Amino acid sequence: MDPNLLYWKNEGQSFFNRLRIWVNLLDPTSLLASDAEIQNARSVLGNGEKLHEKDGHALTLSLTCVHADSGAVLPTVFRPPALLPISAPLFLLQSYSAGFNYANRNSSSEQSKKISLKQVLLITGSVAYATCAGAIPHIVIHRLGISSAPFLVFFRSILPIPLSAALASFNVLTVRSEESENGVQVFDSNGNSVGISKAAGEKAVRDTALSRAALMGATAAIPNLLVFFLQKTRMFQKNSLLVAPVRHVSAAFVLGLMIPVSFSLFPQLGMIKKENLESELQAAAIDGQLFYHRGL
């Protein structure tokens, strides 16, 4: 089993442990590490049998910069610490999210390291669809000339919340659909690979989609609620130009807080119970469960 997965198996089984780890891992300085530094860090960690936090910098580089299935160094822009600074405009957000989801997928069952035409079409279609769907509230307001206050509140403040969550989830489900179709590698409690499971692949994609929906849903909801209450104050009624800056700053702040929370909602080394596995894999689940790499 990969050293990263061994670390998550030993240290990341509770939400608060995962949250503490991710808060430390999302240090943007790891984005500056060269491939040589990262490979050296992996060699320092060895096989991961005695992996723990005192390994410090080497551990951080391995967990944030190396793919747990292939052992390949992740592109700088798709490492977890890059998620906050790069996510900005709508099209860039959807494009980057698709690339991030693909780079941090479970690739254990893939036969080729080259991206397939099907995967290219899925990513392109996901970005195009999500970008257009995300703009629906603004399109409806301008095309229909809506000026009624209740309708404006609905389309500007309420609809974007479930829409953002749904599109974030859709992005993951589409870009990583091959994991559900082909399955992912599963391990026993000793870290030995025992086969490929479609059930584990579906669970990995579903859990990641839920965590991404929580991330983007909260990022849309909290700033809108904040602005809604602030607009009732005298200062904001006199200075309406303050609304937009407050909305954008609070969105960036909430996104920064929610990234480690969403990454921590489900374990990196997921667990699937024996009864939920395919019949041919159930005999390998001696302890009543098998493990798999969830991805990010």
C-alpha atoms as a PDB file:
ATOM      1  CA  MET A   1       0.000   0.000   0.000  1.00  0.00           C
ATOM      2  CA  ASP A   2       1.236   3.495  -0.835  1.00  0.00           C
ATOM      3  CA  PRO A   3       2.841   5.450   2.084  1.00  0.00           C
ATOM      4  CA  ASN A   4       0.201   8.182   1.721  1.00  0.00           C
ATOM      5  CA  LEU A   5      -2.621   5.660   2.099  1.00  0.00           C
ATOM      6  CA  LEU A   6      -0.898   4.023   5.060  1.00  0.00           C
ATOM      7  CA  TYR A   7      -0.686   7.396   6.762  1.00  0.00           C
ATOM      8  CA  TRP A   8      -4.389   8.111   6.179  1.00  0.00           C
ATOM      9  CA  LYS A   9      -5.238   4.599   7.402  1.00  0.00           C
ATOM     10  CA  ASN A  10      -3.415   5.178  10.692  1.00  0.00           C
ATOM     11  CA  GLU A  11      -4.131   8.864  11.293  1.00  0.00           C
ATOM     12  CA  GLY A  12      -7.211   9.854   9.292  1.00  0.00           C
ATOM     13  CA  GLN A  13     -10.121   7.751  10.479  1.00  0.00           C
ATOM     14  CA  SER A  14     -11.855  10.523  12.470  1.00  0.00           C
ATOM     15  CA  PHE A  15     -13.186  13.804  11.073  1.00  0.00           C
ATOM     16  CA  PHE A  16     -11.309  16.015  13.534  1.00  0.00           C
ATOM     17  CA  ASN A  17      -8.011  14.255  12.902  1.00  0.00           C
ATOM     18  CA  ARG A  18      -8.490  14.697   9.152  1.00  0.00           C
ATOM     19  CA  LEU A  19      -9.422  18.352   9.630  1.00  0.00           C
ATOM     20  CA  ARG A  20      -6.309  18.995  11.735  1.00  0.00           C
ATOM     21  CA  ILE A  21      -4.137  17.286   9.133  1.00  0.00           C
ATOM     22  CA  TRP A  22      -5.659  19.162   6.188  1.00  0.00           C
ATOM     23  CA  VAL A  23      -5.329  22.540   7.900  1.00  0.00           C
ATOM     24  CA  ASN A  24      -1.596  21.849   8.160  1.00  0.00           C
ATOM     25  CA  LEU A  25      -1.300  20.380   4.661  1.00  0.00           C
ATOM     26  CA  LEU A  26      -2.911  23.328   2.858  1.00  0.00           C
ATOM     27  CA  ASP A  27       0.250  25.379   3.265  1.00  0.00           C
ATOM     28  CA  PRO A  28       0.804  27.156  -0.104  1.00  0.00           C
ATOM     29  CA  THR A  29       4.608  26.948   0.235  1.00  0.00           C
ATOM     30  CA  SER A  30       4.418  23.305  -0.896  1.00  0.00           C
ATOM     31  CA  LEU A  31       3.405  24.628  -4.321  1.00  0.00           C
ATOM     32  CA  LEU A  32       6.965  25.907  -4.729  1.00  0.00           C
ATOM     33  CA  ALA A  33       8.577  22.477  -4.242  1.00  0.00           C
ATOM     34  CA  SER A  34      10.406  21.054  -7.263  1.00  0.00           C
ATOM     35  CA  ASP A  35       9.898  17.532  -8.562  1.00  0.00           C
ATOM     36  CA  ALA A  36      13.369  16.615  -7.269  1.00  0.00           C
ATOM     37  CA  GLU A  37      12.462  17.781  -3.736  1.00  0.00           C
ATOM     38  CA  ILE A  38       9.232  15.801  -3.838  1.00  0.00           C
ATOM     39  CA  GLN A  39      10.907  12.618  -5.056  1.00  0.00           C
ATOM     40  CA  ASN A  40      13.561  13.020  -2.368  1.00  0.00           C
ATOM     41  CA  ALA A  41      10.798  13.374   0.242  1.00  0.00           C
ATOM     42  CA  ARG A  42       9.243  10.113  -0.977  1.00  0.00           C
ATOM     43  CA  SER A  43      12.578   8.336  -0.649  1.00  0.00           C
ATOM     44  CA  VAL A  44      12.936   9.658   2.918  1.00  0.00           C
ATOM     45  CA  LEU A  45       9.573   8.183   3.843  1.00  0.00           C
ATOM     46  CA  GLY A  46      10.494   4.786   2.402  1.00  0.00           C
ATOM     47  CA  ASN A  47       7.711   2.217   2.366  1.00  0.00           C
ATOM     48  CA  GLY A  48       5.631   4.119   4.894  1.00  0.00           C
ATOM     49  CA  GLU A  49       5.546   1.407   7.536  1.00  0.00           C
ATOM     50  CA  LYS A  50       6.611   3.876  10.255  1.00  0.00           C
ATOM     51  CA  LEU A  51       5.077   6.965   8.756  1.00  0.00           C
ATOM     52  CA  HIS A  52       4.198   9.670  11.274  1.00  0.00           C
ATOM     53  CA  GLU A  53       4.075  13.443  11.575  1.00  0.00           C
ATOM     54  CA  LYS A  54       7.600  13.878  12.873  1.00  0.00           C
ATOM     55  CA  ASP A  55       8.781  13.311   9.297  1.00  0.00           C
ATOM     56  CA  GLY A  56       7.555  16.869   8.888  1.00  0.00           C
ATOM     57  CA  HIS A  57       8.326  18.504   5.559  1.00  0.00           C
ATOM     58  CA  ALA A  58       8.805  15.216   3.695  1.00  0.00           C
ATOM     59  CA  LEU A  59       5.408  13.992   4.869  1.00  0.00           C
ATOM     60  CA  THR A  60       3.696  17.236   3.801  1.00  0.00           C
ATOM     61  CA  LEU A  61       5.228  17.092   0.325  1.00  0.00           C
ATOM     62  CA  SER A  62       4.241  13.464  -0.120  1.00  0.00           C
ATOM     63  CA  LEU A  63       0.621  13.954   0.989  1.00  0.00           C
ATOM     64  CA  THR A  64       0.021  17.115  -1.052  1.00  0.00           C
ATOM     65  CA  CYS A  65       2.155  16.581  -4.143  1.00  0.00           C
ATOM     66  CA  VAL A  66       2.127  12.841  -4.941  1.00  0.00           C
ATOM     67  CA  HIS A  67      -0.739  10.774  -6.339  1.00  0.00           C
ATOM     68  CA  ALA A  68      -1.422   7.838  -4.024  1.00  0.00           C
ATOM     69  CA  ASP A  69      -2.242   5.375  -6.825  1.00  0.00           C
ATOM     70  CA  SER A  70       0.374   6.071  -9.488  1.00  0.00           C
ATOM     71  CA  GLY A  71       3.103   7.619  -7.314  1.00  0.00           C
ATOM     72  CA  ALA A  72       3.392  10.415  -9.892  1.00  0.00           C
ATOM     73  CA  VAL A  73       4.004  14.019  -8.881  1.00  0.00           C
ATOM     74  CA  LEU A  74       0.808  16.069  -9.230  1.00  0.00           C
ATOM     75  CA  PRO A  75       0.909  19.152 -11.490  1.00  0.00           C
ATOM     76  CA  THR A  76       1.463  22.246  -9.350  1.00  0.00           C
ATOM     77  CA  VAL A  77      -1.928  23.815 -10.147  1.00  0.00           C
ATOM     78  CA  PHE A  78      -3.817  20.648  -9.161  1.00  0.00           C
ATOM     79  CA  ARG A  79      -2.227  20.133  -5.758  1.00  0.00           C
ATOM     80  CA  PRO A  80      -4.696  20.658  -2.858  1.00  0.00           C
ATOM     81  CA  PRO A  81      -3.097  23.951  -1.637  1.00  0.00           C
ATOM     82  CA  ALA A  82      -3.770  25.496  -5.070  1.00  0.00           C
ATOM     83  CA  LEU A  83      -7.551  25.071  -4.867  1.00  0.00           C
ATOM     84  CA  LEU A  84      -8.246  28.355  -3.032  1.00  0.00           C
ATOM     85  CA  PRO A  85      -5.985  30.807  -4.937  1.00  0.00           C
ATOM     86  CA  ILE A  86      -6.978  29.523  -8.397  1.00  0.00           C
ATOM     87  CA  SER A  87     -10.767  29.162  -7.953  1.00  0.00           C
ATOM     88  CA  ALA A  88     -12.156  32.534  -9.095  1.00  0.00           C
ATOM     89  CA  PRO A  89     -14.367  33.422 -12.114  1.00  0.00           C
ATOM     90  CA  LEU A  90     -17.195  31.043 -13.054  1.00  0.00           C
ATOM     91  CA  PHE A  91     -15.640  29.531 -16.199  1.00  0.00           C
ATOM     92  CA  LEU A  92     -12.212  29.304 -14.593  1.00  0.00           C
ATOM     93  CA  LEU A  93     -13.791  27.736 -11.500  1.00  0.00           C
ATOM     94  CA  GLN A  94     -15.576  25.032 -13.509  1.00  0.00           C
ATOM     95  CA  SER A  95     -12.544  24.357 -15.720  1.00  0.00           C
ATOM     96  CA  TYR A  96     -10.210  24.196 -12.759  1.00  0.00           C
ATOM     97  CA  SER A  97     -12.614  22.017 -10.754  1.00  0.00           C
ATOM     98  CA  ALA A  98     -12.777  19.508 -13.611  1.00  0.00           C
ATOM     99  CA  GLY A  99      -8.980  19.426 -13.861  1.00  0.00           C
ATOM    100  CA  PHE A 100      -8.606  19.132 -10.073  1.00  0.00           C
ATOM    101  CA  ASN A 101     -11.139  16.295  -9.905  1.00  0.00           C
ATOM    102  CA  TYR A 102      -9.370  14.429 -12.712  1.00  0.00           C
ATOM    103  CA  ALA A 103      -5.854  14.923 -11.322  1.00  0.00           C
ATOM    104  CA  ASN A 104      -6.895  13.715  -7.851  1.00  0.00           C
ATOM    105  CA  ARG A 105      -9.022  10.756  -8.992  1.00  0.00           C
ATOM    106  CA  ASN A 106      -8.447   7.096  -8.163  1.00  0.00           C
ATOM    107  CA  SER A 107      -6.425   5.774 -11.137  1.00  0.00           C
ATOM    108  CA  SER A 108      -5.647   2.311  -9.769  1.00  0.00           C
ATOM    109  CA  SER A 109      -7.643   0.425 -12.433  1.00  0.00           C
ATOM    110  CA  GLU A 110      -6.447   2.423 -15.443  1.00  0.00           C
ATOM    111  CA  GLN A 111      -4.463   0.457 -18.023  1.00  0.00           C
ATOM    112  CA  SER A 112      -2.936   3.464 -19.778  1.00  0.00           C
ATOM    113  CA  LYS A 113      -1.418   6.628 -18.362  1.00  0.00           C
ATOM    114  CA  LYS A 114      -2.683   8.646 -21.337  1.00  0.00           C
ATOM    115  CA  ILE A 115      -6.016  10.424 -21.047  1.00  0.00           C
ATOM    116  CA  SER A 116      -8.677   8.785 -23.229  1.00  0.00           C
ATOM    117  CA  LEU A 117     -10.854  10.559 -25.776  1.00  0.00           C
ATOM    118  CA  LYS A 118     -13.905   9.646 -23.689  1.00  0.00           C
ATOM    119  CA  GLN A 119     -12.366  11.346 -20.646  1.00  0.00           C
ATOM    120  CA  VAL A 120     -11.554  14.476 -22.676  1.00  0.00           C
ATOM    121  CA  LEU A 121     -15.164  14.652 -23.862  1.00  0.00           C
ATOM    122  CA  LEU A 122     -16.478  14.142 -20.317  1.00  0.00           C
ATOM    123  CA  ILE A 123     -14.285  16.952 -18.945  1.00  0.00           C
ATOM    124  CA  THR A 124     -15.145  19.326 -21.806  1.00  0.00           C
ATOM    125  CA  GLY A 125     -18.852  18.582 -21.578  1.00  0.00           C
ATOM    126  CA  SER A 126     -18.863  18.955 -17.810  1.00  0.00           C
ATOM    127  CA  VAL A 127     -17.162  22.361 -17.963  1.00  0.00           C
ATOM    128  CA  ALA A 128     -19.447  23.645 -20.740  1.00  0.00           C
ATOM    129  CA  TYR A 129     -22.641  22.413 -19.093  1.00  0.00           C
ATOM    130  CA  ALA A 130     -21.750  23.614 -15.590  1.00  0.00           C
ATOM    131  CA  THR A 131     -20.660  27.043 -16.849  1.00  0.00           C
ATOM    132  CA  CYS A 132     -23.915  27.554 -18.762  1.00  0.00           C
ATOM    133  CA  ALA A 133     -26.068  26.181 -15.944  1.00  0.00           C
ATOM    134  CA  GLY A 134     -24.281  28.379 -13.390  1.00  0.00           C
ATOM    135  CA  ALA A 135     -25.180  31.460 -15.388  1.00  0.00           C
ATOM    136  CA  ILE A 136     -28.905  30.616 -15.509  1.00  0.00           C
ATOM    137  CA  PRO A 137     -29.973  32.990 -12.678  1.00  0.00           C
ATOM    138  CA  HIS A 138     -28.288  35.982 -14.364  1.00  0.00           C
ATOM    139  CA  ILE A 139     -29.620  35.022 -17.800  1.00  0.00           C
ATOM    140  CA  VAL A 140     -33.195  34.741 -16.500  1.00  0.00           C
ATOM    141  CA  ILE A 141     -32.998  38.116 -14.729  1.00  0.00           C
ATOM    142  CA  HIS A 142     -31.693  39.975 -17.778  1.00  0.00           C
ATOM    143  CA  ARG A 143     -33.647  38.183 -20.496  1.00  0.00           C
ATOM    144  CA  LEU A 144     -36.973  38.452 -18.677  1.00  0.00           C
ATOM    145  CA  GLY A 145     -36.261  41.919 -17.299  1.00  0.00           C
ATOM    146  CA  ILE A 146     -37.149  40.863 -13.761  1.00  0.00           C
ATOM    147  CA  SER A 147     -37.400  43.803 -11.380  1.00  0.00           C
ATOM    148  CA  SER A 148     -39.632  42.426  -8.631  1.00  0.00           C
ATOM    149  CA  ALA A 149     -37.718  42.409  -5.334  1.00  0.00           C
ATOM    150  CA  PRO A 150     -38.846  38.904  -4.202  1.00  0.00           C
ATOM    151  CA  PHE A 151     -37.891  37.382  -7.562  1.00  0.00           C
ATOM    152  CA  LEU A 152     -34.531  39.169  -7.538  1.00  0.00           C
ATOM    153  CA  VAL A 153     -33.795  37.815  -4.058  1.00  0.00           C
ATOM    154  CA  PHE A 154     -34.713  34.306  -5.224  1.00  0.00           C
ATOM    155  CA  PHE A 155     -32.571  34.326  -8.371  1.00  0.00           C
ATOM    156  CA  ARG A 156     -29.598  36.196  -6.878  1.00  0.00           C
ATOM    157  CA  SER A 157     -29.440  34.835  -3.341  1.00  0.00           C
ATOM    158  CA  ILE A 158     -31.450  31.620  -2.980  1.00  0.00           C
ATOM    159  CA  LEU A 159     -31.201  29.706  -6.277  1.00  0.00           C
ATOM    160  CA  PRO A 160     -27.366  29.950  -6.513  1.00  0.00           C
ATOM    161  CA  ILE A 161     -26.987  27.930  -3.281  1.00  0.00           C
ATOM    162  CA  PRO A 162     -28.483  24.568  -4.401  1.00  0.00           C
ATOM    163  CA  LEU A 163     -27.295  25.257  -7.953  1.00  0.00           C
ATOM    164  CA  SER A 164     -23.659  25.648  -6.856  1.00  0.00           C
ATOM    165  CA  ALA A 165     -23.831  22.481  -4.746  1.00  0.00           C
ATOM    166  CA  ALA A 166     -25.488  20.489  -7.545  1.00  0.00           C
ATOM    167  CA  LEU A 167     -22.997  21.641 -10.200  1.00  0.00           C
ATOM    168  CA  ALA A 168     -20.000  20.869  -7.984  1.00  0.00           C
ATOM    169  CA  SER A 169     -21.372  17.385  -7.378  1.00  0.00           C
ATOM    170  CA  PHE A 170     -22.178  16.953 -11.084  1.00  0.00           C
ATOM    171  CA  ASN A 171     -18.602  17.900 -11.997  1.00  0.00           C
ATOM    172  CA  VAL A 172     -17.161  15.129  -9.801  1.00  0.00           C
ATOM    173  CA  LEU A 173     -19.713  12.502 -10.898  1.00  0.00           C
ATOM    174  CA  THR A 174     -19.049  13.225 -14.576  1.00  0.00           C
ATOM    175  CA  VAL A 175     -15.277  13.628 -14.582  1.00  0.00           C
ATOM    176  CA  ARG A 176     -14.734  10.554 -12.383  1.00  0.00           C
ATOM    177  CA  SER A 177     -17.491   8.377 -13.881  1.00  0.00           C
ATOM    178  CA  GLU A 178     -14.947   5.832 -15.181  1.00  0.00           C
ATOM    179  CA  GLU A 179     -14.162   4.829 -11.589  1.00  0.00           C
ATOM    180  CA  SER A 180     -17.778   3.753 -11.133  1.00  0.00           C
ATOM    181  CA  GLU A 181     -17.756   1.904 -14.453  1.00  0.00           C
ATOM    182  CA  ASN A 182     -14.355   0.185 -14.182  1.00  0.00           C
ATOM    183  CA  GLY A 183     -13.937  -0.088 -10.412  1.00  0.00           C
ATOM    184  CA  VAL A 184     -10.973   0.755  -8.162  1.00  0.00           C
ATOM    185  CA  GLN A 185      -8.329  -1.259  -6.373  1.00  0.00           C
ATOM    186  CA  VAL A 186      -9.254  -2.505  -2.902  1.00  0.00           C
ATOM    187  CA  PHE A 187      -6.974  -3.592  -0.067  1.00  0.00           C
ATOM    188  CA  ASP A 188      -7.290  -5.822   2.974  1.00  0.00           C
ATOM    189  CA  SER A 189      -6.392  -4.652   6.479  1.00  0.00           C
ATOM    190  CA  ASN A 190      -2.733  -5.573   5.880  1.00  0.00           C
ATOM    191  CA  GLY A 191      -2.490  -3.291   2.855  1.00  0.00           C
ATOM    192  CA  ASN A 192      -2.456  -6.090   0.270  1.00  0.00           C
ATOM    193  CA  SER A 193      -4.337  -5.540  -2.980  1.00  0.00           C
ATOM    194  CA  VAL A 194      -7.147  -8.088  -3.382  1.00  0.00           C
ATOM    195  CA  GLY A 195      -8.797  -6.946  -6.608  1.00  0.00           C
ATOM    196  CA  ILE A 196     -10.903  -4.327  -8.366  1.00  0.00           C
ATOM    197  CA  SER A 197     -14.311  -3.306  -7.027  1.00  0.00           C
ATOM    198  CA  LYS A 198     -16.971  -1.301  -8.876  1.00  0.00           C
ATOM    199  CA  ALA A 199     -18.920  -0.903  -5.615  1.00  0.00           C
ATOM    200  CA  ALA A 200     -15.901   0.762  -4.002  1.00  0.00           C
ATOM    201  CA  GLY A 201     -15.472   2.970  -7.075  1.00  0.00           C
ATOM    202  CA  GLU A 202     -19.083   4.123  -6.870  1.00  0.00           C
ATOM    203  CA  LYS A 203     -18.724   4.860  -3.161  1.00  0.00           C
ATOM    204  CA  ALA A 204     -15.477   6.787  -3.703  1.00  0.00           C
ATOM    205  CA  VAL A 205     -17.042   9.001  -6.373  1.00  0.00           C
ATOM    206  CA  ARG A 206     -20.288   9.485  -4.434  1.00  0.00           C
ATOM    207  CA  ASP A 207     -18.529  10.516  -1.204  1.00  0.00           C
ATOM    208  CA  THR A 208     -16.238  12.929  -3.051  1.00  0.00           C
ATOM    209  CA  ALA A 209     -19.219  14.439  -4.886  1.00  0.00           C
ATOM    210  CA  LEU A 210     -20.998  15.023  -1.556  1.00  0.00           C
ATOM    211  CA  SER A 211     -17.922  16.678  -0.057  1.00  0.00           C
ATOM    212  CA  ARG A 212     -17.573  18.982  -3.066  1.00  0.00           C
ATOM    213  CA  ALA A 213     -21.272  19.868  -2.890  1.00  0.00           C
ATOM    214  CA  ALA A 214     -20.800  20.822   0.771  1.00  0.00           C
ATOM    215  CA  LEU A 215     -17.802  22.978  -0.162  1.00  0.00           C
ATOM    216  CA  MET A 216     -19.486  24.976  -2.913  1.00  0.00           C
ATOM    217  CA  GLY A 217     -22.932  25.028  -1.285  1.00  0.00           C
ATOM    218  CA  ALA A 218     -21.572  26.570   1.914  1.00  0.00           C
ATOM    219  CA  THR A 219     -19.415  29.000  -0.093  1.00  0.00           C
ATOM    220  CA  ALA A 220     -22.557  30.218  -1.864  1.00  0.00           C
ATOM    221  CA  ALA A 221     -24.873  30.170   1.155  1.00  0.00           C
ATOM    222  CA  ILE A 222     -22.916  31.942   3.907  1.00  0.00           C
ATOM    223  CA  PRO A 223     -21.947  35.117   1.968  1.00  0.00           C
ATOM    224  CA  ASN A 224     -25.532  35.455   0.694  1.00  0.00           C
ATOM    225  CA  LEU A 225     -26.915  35.160   4.228  1.00  0.00           C
ATOM    226  CA  LEU A 226     -24.344  37.652   5.498  1.00  0.00           C
ATOM    227  CA  VAL A 227     -25.236  40.184   2.803  1.00  0.00           C
ATOM    228  CA  PHE A 228     -28.968  39.636   3.421  1.00  0.00           C
ATOM    229  CA  PHE A 229     -28.615  40.632   7.081  1.00  0.00           C
ATOM    230  CA  LEU A 230     -26.122  43.444   6.433  1.00  0.00           C
ATOM    231  CA  GLN A 231     -28.462  45.067   3.906  1.00  0.00           C
ATOM    232  CA  LYS A 232     -30.906  45.639   6.752  1.00  0.00           C
ATOM    233  CA  THR A 233     -28.380  47.804   8.595  1.00  0.00           C
ATOM    234  CA  ARG A 234     -28.333  51.582   8.209  1.00  0.00           C
ATOM    235  CA  MET A 235     -24.731  51.692   6.959  1.00  0.00           C
ATOM    236  CA  PHE A 236     -25.389  49.328   4.041  1.00  0.00           C
ATOM    237  CA  GLN A 237     -28.675  51.028   3.188  1.00  0.00           C
ATOM    238  CA  LYS A 238     -26.775  54.295   2.764  1.00  0.00           C
ATOM    239  CA  ASN A 239     -23.783  52.717   1.010  1.00  0.00           C
ATOM    240  CA  SER A 240     -25.100  50.056  -1.361  1.00  0.00           C
ATOM    241  CA  LEU A 241     -21.720  49.881  -3.134  1.00  0.00           C
ATOM    242  CA  LEU A 242     -20.356  48.015  -0.100  1.00  0.00           C
ATOM    243  CA  VAL A 243     -22.486  44.945  -0.879  1.00  0.00           C
ATOM    244  CA  ALA A 244     -20.394  43.583  -3.770  1.00  0.00           C
ATOM    245  CA  PRO A 245     -16.983  43.832  -2.022  1.00  0.00           C
ATOM    246  CA  VAL A 246     -18.378  42.254   1.148  1.00  0.00           C
ATOM    247  CA  ARG A 247     -19.927  39.413  -0.851  1.00  0.00           C
ATOM    248  CA  HIS A 248     -16.689  38.655  -2.720  1.00  0.00           C
ATOM    249  CA  VAL A 249     -14.405  38.929   0.308  1.00  0.00           C
ATOM    250  CA  SER A 250     -16.672  36.788   2.468  1.00  0.00           C
ATOM    251  CA  ALA A 251     -16.970  34.184  -0.325  1.00  0.00           C
ATOM    252  CA  ALA A 252     -13.183  33.906  -0.544  1.00  0.00           C
ATOM    253  CA  PHE A 253     -12.937  33.683   3.250  1.00  0.00           C
ATOM    254  CA  VAL A 254     -15.624  30.962   3.504  1.00  0.00           C
ATOM    255  CA  LEU A 255     -14.060  29.018   0.620  1.00  0.00           C
ATOM    256  CA  GLY A 256     -10.725  29.076   2.427  1.00  0.00           C
ATOM    257  CA  LEU A 257     -12.326  27.786   5.631  1.00  0.00           C
ATOM    258  CA  MET A 258     -14.446  25.147   3.901  1.00  0.00           C
ATOM    259  CA  ILE A 259     -11.682  23.539   1.833  1.00  0.00           C
ATOM    260  CA  PRO A 260     -10.090  21.638   4.766  1.00  0.00           C
ATOM    261  CA  VAL A 261     -13.558  20.878   6.178  1.00  0.00           C
ATOM    262  CA  SER A 262     -14.797  19.382   2.884  1.00  0.00           C
ATOM    263  CA  PHE A 263     -11.565  17.417   2.389  1.00  0.00           C
ATOM    264  CA  SER A 264     -12.075  15.955   5.885  1.00  0.00           C
ATOM    265  CA  LEU A 265     -15.714  14.882   5.596  1.00  0.00           C
ATOM    266  CA  PHE A 266     -14.749  11.402   4.370  1.00  0.00           C
ATOM    267  CA  PRO A 267     -11.518   9.427   4.948  1.00  0.00           C
ATOM    268  CA  GLN A 268      -8.893   9.455   2.198  1.00  0.00           C
ATOM    269  CA  LEU A 269      -8.587   5.721   2.733  1.00  0.00           C
ATOM    270  CA  GLY A 270     -12.227   4.757   2.466  1.00  0.00           C
ATOM    271  CA  MET A 271     -13.776   1.615   3.884  1.00  0.00           C
ATOM    272  CA  ILE A 272     -16.461  -0.583   2.334  1.00  0.00           C
ATOM    273  CA  LYS A 273     -18.279  -3.310   4.259  1.00  0.00           C
ATOM    274  CA  LYS A 274     -18.205  -6.930   3.164  1.00  0.00           C
ATOM    275  CA  GLU A 275     -21.919  -7.099   2.384  1.00  0.00           C
ATOM    276  CA  ASN A 276     -21.617  -4.156  -0.039  1.00  0.00           C
ATOM    277  CA  LEU A 277     -18.825  -5.774  -2.050  1.00  0.00           C
ATOM    278  CA  GLU A 278     -19.090  -7.953  -5.144  1.00  0.00           C
ATOM    279  CA  SER A 279     -19.546 -11.645  -4.288  1.00  0.00           C
ATOM    280  CA  GLU A 280     -16.101 -12.587  -5.628  1.00  0.00           C
ATOM    281  CA  LEU A 281     -14.409 -10.106  -3.257  1.00  0.00           C
ATOM    282  CA  GLN A 282     -16.347 -10.884  -0.096  1.00  0.00           C
ATOM    283  CA  ALA A 283     -14.097 -13.823   0.814  1.00  0.00           C
ATOM    284  CA  ALA A 284     -11.103 -11.453   0.889  1.00  0.00           C
ATOM    285  CA  ALA A 285     -12.804  -9.222   3.487  1.00  0.00           C
ATOM    286  CA  ILE A 286     -11.619 -11.309   6.425  1.00  0.00           C
ATOM    287  CA  ASP A 287     -12.173  -8.459   8.901  1.00  0.00           C
ATOM    288  CA  GLY A 288     -15.583  -7.669   7.405  1.00  0.00           C
ATOM    289  CA  GLN A 289     -14.317  -4.740   5.341  1.00  0.00           C
ATOM    290  CA  LEU A 290     -11.907  -3.683   2.610  1.00  0.00           C
ATOM    291  CA  PHE A 291     -10.164  -0.359   1.985  1.00  0.00           C
ATOM    292  CA  TYR A 292      -9.781   1.837  -1.095  1.00  0.00           C
ATOM    293  CA  HIS A 293      -8.274   5.186  -2.082  1.00  0.00           C
ATOM    294  CA  ARG A 294     -11.159   7.692  -2.252  1.00  0.00           C
ATOM    295  CA  GLY A 295      -9.324  10.387  -4.177  1.00  0.00           C
ATOM    296  CA  LEU A 296      -9.920  14.047  -3.496  1.00  0.00           C
END
